[in-house]
Amino acid sequence: MEHRTLAGVIFDLDGTLLDSTAVWSQIDRIILQEHGIQPPAGLSDLVKKLSIAESSQYFITQFGLPYTPESFSQHVQELAAEQYQTTLPLKPHALELLNDLDQKQIPYCVVTANYRTLAQAALERLGLMERIAFLLTEQEAGATKTSPEIFRQAAAAMHLGRRQLVVAEDSLHCIETAKQAGFFTVGVYDAETAPEEWTKIQATATISVSGLQEMKTLF
């Protein structure tokens, strides 16, 4: 079977390795409520597909918020910092999977749409920063996860071909991008994922898993 040729993993962070998806919908609400605005339905689902710069500009333009893109981005980081630095846990069975990959000498990296400061803080606190091959953010790649470029950069840095790599993601648009680029994709269940999106993820990804421990059978 094709998956027997797999030799590495590109992990998403939020919602895949880290149980942190709910933080972002909270922050969206906090920022708007600070300015007396009721958050519209579906806001978080919309902005999660945007880059940091795009999301900042969207909030400023759409809701007339008194920020520059830079100051908005800084405010978001400040609101999220404490949880990334102190409390956000790994997803269930994440450590079990990573220990298994280490034992089998399967390299893995993290590719994220998040801010490097937040992602690195969580990975360092959890003892994972020294275990991953590297951390790559959308800002550093100059590409979002709606473009295959970010996954191609990660593959090149891993010195592995696309058919040798698993891309593990909890978001439909990221899975669609990686699959179209020829990667073996794993849809990872997250409790914050809407049921209809999870159904689409199951239909789109090469395989889908309800728990990360299920990925051990790929290697």
Protein backbone atom coordinates (compact mmCIF):
# COMPACT_ATOMS: atom_id res chain seq x y z
CA MET A 1 0.00 0.00 0.00
CA GLU A 2 1.12 3.57 -0.69
CA HIS A 3 1.31 4.59 2.93
CA ARG A 4 4.08 2.05 3.57
CA THR A 5 6.44 4.45 1.80
CA LEU A 6 5.75 7.23 4.29
CA ALA A 7 8.83 8.54 6.07
CA GLY A 8 7.92 11.80 7.82
CA VAL A 9 5.11 13.99 9.13
CA ILE A 10 4.16 17.64 8.67
CA PHE A 11 1.96 18.44 11.67
CA ASP A 12 -0.38 21.37 12.02
CA LEU A 13 -0.29 22.80 15.54
CA ASP A 14 -3.64 24.27 16.66
CA GLY A 15 -6.38 21.67 16.75
CA THR A 16 -4.05 18.90 15.58
CA LEU A 17 -1.24 18.59 18.14
CA LEU A 18 -2.41 21.30 20.53
CA ASP A 19 -5.87 21.55 22.08
CA SER A 20 -6.17 25.25 21.37
CA THR A 21 -8.83 25.86 18.72
CA ALA A 22 -11.34 27.33 21.17
CA VAL A 23 -8.88 30.08 22.15
CA TRP A 24 -9.25 31.78 18.78
CA SER A 25 -13.02 32.04 18.75
CA GLN A 26 -12.78 33.46 22.29
CA ILE A 27 -10.29 36.09 21.17
CA ASP A 28 -12.45 37.08 18.20
CA ARG A 29 -15.36 37.68 20.60
CA ILE A 30 -13.24 39.51 23.18
CA ILE A 31 -11.84 41.99 20.68
CA LEU A 32 -15.21 42.85 19.18
CA GLN A 33 -16.93 43.06 22.55
CA GLU A 34 -14.22 45.45 23.73
CA HIS A 35 -15.66 47.82 21.12
CA GLY A 36 -19.31 47.06 21.80
CA ILE A 37 -19.75 44.85 18.75
CA GLN A 38 -21.65 41.56 18.81
CA PRO A 39 -19.62 38.93 16.92
CA PRO A 40 -21.51 37.65 13.86
CA ALA A 41 -22.19 33.94 13.46
CA GLY A 42 -19.52 32.06 11.55
CA LEU A 43 -16.82 34.69 12.08
CA SER A 44 -14.16 32.31 13.37
CA ASP A 45 -14.76 29.86 10.53
CA LEU A 46 -14.19 32.68 8.06
CA VAL A 47 -11.04 34.19 9.56
CA LYS A 48 -9.29 30.87 10.22
CA LYS A 49 -8.64 30.65 6.47
CA LEU A 50 -6.91 34.05 6.47
CA SER A 51 -3.28 34.86 7.13
CA ILE A 52 -2.37 36.95 10.17
CA ALA A 53 -2.08 40.06 7.99
CA GLU A 54 -5.34 39.31 6.17
CA SER A 55 -7.19 38.63 9.42
CA SER A 56 -5.92 41.86 10.99
CA GLN A 57 -7.02 43.90 7.99
CA TYR A 58 -10.39 42.13 7.88
CA PHE A 59 -11.25 43.04 11.47
CA ILE A 60 -10.11 46.63 11.01
CA THR A 61 -12.03 47.13 7.75
CA GLN A 62 -15.12 45.06 8.46
CA PHE A 63 -15.78 46.37 11.96
CA GLY A 64 -14.12 49.78 11.84
CA LEU A 65 -11.71 48.98 14.66
CA PRO A 66 -9.21 51.69 15.68
CA TYR A 67 -6.03 49.72 15.05
CA THR A 68 -3.26 49.50 12.53
CA PRO A 69 -2.65 45.96 11.26
CA GLU A 70 0.48 45.84 13.42
CA SER A 71 -1.24 46.99 16.61
CA PHE A 72 -4.17 44.62 16.03
CA SER A 73 -1.77 41.72 15.57
CA GLN A 74 0.06 42.68 18.76
CA HIS A 75 -3.19 42.85 20.72
CA VAL A 76 -4.17 39.36 19.54
CA GLN A 77 -0.82 37.97 20.64
CA GLU A 78 -1.17 39.60 24.05
CA LEU A 79 -4.63 38.11 24.55
CA ALA A 80 -3.45 34.61 23.64
CA ALA A 81 0.02 34.66 25.22
CA GLU A 82 -0.79 33.47 28.74
CA GLN A 83 -2.64 30.36 27.61
CA TYR A 84 0.11 29.37 25.16
CA GLN A 85 2.78 30.01 27.76
CA THR A 86 1.10 28.27 30.69
CA THR A 87 -1.98 26.12 30.16
CA LEU A 88 -2.89 24.81 26.70
CA PRO A 89 -2.49 21.01 26.63
CA LEU A 90 -1.57 18.61 23.87
CA LYS A 91 -4.41 16.83 22.16
CA PRO A 92 -5.18 13.38 23.61
CA HIS A 93 -2.64 10.74 22.54
CA ALA A 94 -0.34 13.32 20.91
CA LEU A 95 2.57 12.43 23.14
CA GLU A 96 1.93 8.72 22.59
CA LEU A 97 2.16 9.26 18.83
CA LEU A 98 5.28 11.42 19.02
CA ASN A 99 7.03 8.91 21.26
CA ASP A 100 6.22 6.19 18.73
CA LEU A 101 7.59 8.30 15.86
CA ASP A 102 10.78 8.99 17.81
CA GLN A 103 11.22 5.30 18.54
CA LYS A 104 10.82 4.51 14.83
CA GLN A 105 13.15 7.42 13.91
CA ILE A 106 10.43 9.10 11.84
CA PRO A 107 11.11 12.87 11.62
CA TYR A 108 8.35 15.40 12.03
CA CYS A 109 7.95 19.16 11.84
CA VAL A 110 5.25 21.70 12.69
CA VAL A 111 3.77 24.05 10.08
CA THR A 112 1.38 26.62 11.49
CA ALA A 113 -0.72 29.66 10.66
CA ASN A 114 -0.11 30.86 14.21
CA TYR A 115 2.36 33.47 15.44
CA ARG A 116 5.85 32.07 16.01
CA THR A 117 5.97 33.60 19.49
CA LEU A 118 2.86 31.70 20.57
CA ALA A 119 3.64 28.43 18.82
CA GLN A 120 7.20 28.34 20.10
CA ALA A 121 6.12 29.18 23.65
CA ALA A 122 3.72 26.22 23.72
CA LEU A 123 6.16 23.81 22.08
CA GLU A 124 8.95 24.79 24.46
CA ARG A 125 6.72 24.48 27.52
CA LEU A 126 5.60 21.03 26.43
CA GLY A 127 9.16 19.86 25.74
CA LEU A 128 8.59 19.45 22.00
CA MET A 129 10.65 22.25 20.48
CA GLU A 130 13.85 20.20 20.68
CA ARG A 131 12.08 17.13 19.30
CA ILE A 132 10.64 18.59 16.11
CA ALA A 133 12.79 19.00 13.01
CA PHE A 134 11.68 22.64 12.73
CA LEU A 135 8.79 25.06 13.18
CA LEU A 136 7.60 26.91 10.07
CA THR A 137 4.98 29.67 10.17
CA GLU A 138 2.96 31.11 7.31
CA GLN A 139 4.70 34.44 7.84
CA GLU A 140 8.13 32.84 7.47
CA ALA A 141 7.07 30.84 4.41
CA GLY A 142 5.46 33.84 2.75
CA ALA A 143 2.49 31.62 1.93
CA THR A 144 -0.71 30.56 3.62
CA LYS A 145 -2.14 27.06 3.86
CA THR A 146 -4.44 27.85 0.98
CA SER A 147 -1.31 27.52 -1.20
CA PRO A 148 0.77 24.35 -1.61
CA GLU A 149 3.94 26.45 -1.39
CA ILE A 150 4.13 26.24 2.40
CA PHE A 151 3.93 22.43 2.31
CA ARG A 152 6.50 22.28 -0.49
CA GLN A 153 8.89 24.39 1.59
CA ALA A 154 8.42 22.05 4.54
CA ALA A 155 9.02 18.99 2.36
CA ALA A 156 12.22 20.49 0.98
CA ALA A 157 13.44 21.26 4.50
CA MET A 158 12.61 17.67 5.52
CA HIS A 159 14.55 16.37 2.48
CA LEU A 160 11.59 14.15 1.62
CA GLY A 161 9.27 13.99 -1.37
CA ARG A 162 5.59 14.75 -1.16
CA ARG A 163 4.66 11.06 -1.47
CA GLN A 164 6.88 10.29 1.51
CA LEU A 165 5.19 12.79 3.81
CA VAL A 166 2.02 12.79 5.86
CA VAL A 167 0.30 16.16 6.31
CA ALA A 168 -1.82 15.98 9.49
CA GLU A 169 -4.43 18.74 9.76
CA ASP A 170 -7.77 19.44 11.43
CA SER A 171 -8.97 22.09 8.95
CA LEU A 172 -10.68 21.27 5.68
CA HIS A 173 -9.05 23.98 3.59
CA CYS A 174 -5.56 22.87 4.66
CA ILE A 175 -6.32 19.24 3.85
CA GLU A 176 -7.66 20.24 0.45
CA THR A 177 -4.48 22.20 -0.32
CA ALA A 178 -2.09 19.44 0.76
CA LYS A 179 -4.04 16.70 -1.00
CA GLN A 180 -4.17 18.65 -4.26
CA ALA A 181 -0.39 19.05 -4.00
CA GLY A 182 0.03 15.28 -3.83
CA PHE A 183 0.66 14.74 -0.12
CA PHE A 184 -0.78 11.88 1.93
CA THR A 185 -3.27 13.68 4.15
CA VAL A 186 -4.65 12.78 7.56
CA GLY A 187 -7.76 14.54 8.79
CA VAL A 188 -7.55 14.85 12.57
CA TYR A 189 -10.75 15.17 14.57
CA ASP A 190 -11.08 18.23 16.78
CA ALA A 191 -13.97 18.79 19.16
CA GLU A 192 -14.39 22.37 17.88
CA THR A 193 -14.90 21.22 14.29
CA ALA A 194 -18.46 21.59 13.04
CA PRO A 195 -20.08 18.22 12.23
CA GLU A 196 -20.64 19.18 8.60
CA GLU A 197 -16.98 20.15 8.19
CA TRP A 198 -15.84 16.88 9.78
CA THR A 199 -17.97 14.98 7.27
CA LYS A 200 -16.25 16.86 4.44
CA ILE A 201 -12.83 16.22 6.01
CA GLN A 202 -13.54 12.50 6.14
CA ALA A 203 -14.52 12.56 2.47
CA THR A 204 -11.48 14.62 1.42
CA ALA A 205 -8.47 13.40 3.41
CA THR A 206 -6.57 10.29 2.40
CA ILE A 207 -7.55 8.94 5.80
CA SER A 208 -9.20 10.47 8.85
CA VAL A 209 -8.59 9.68 12.51
CA SER A 210 -10.66 10.29 15.59
CA GLY A 211 -7.53 10.07 17.77
CA LEU A 212 -3.86 10.72 17.03
CA GLN A 213 -2.82 7.25 18.23
CA GLU A 214 -4.43 5.86 15.08
CA MET A 215 -1.63 7.40 13.01
CA LYS A 216 0.90 4.96 14.48
CA THR A 217 -0.23 2.32 12.01
CA LEU A 218 1.01 4.43 9.08
CA PHE A 219 4.67 3.76 9.84
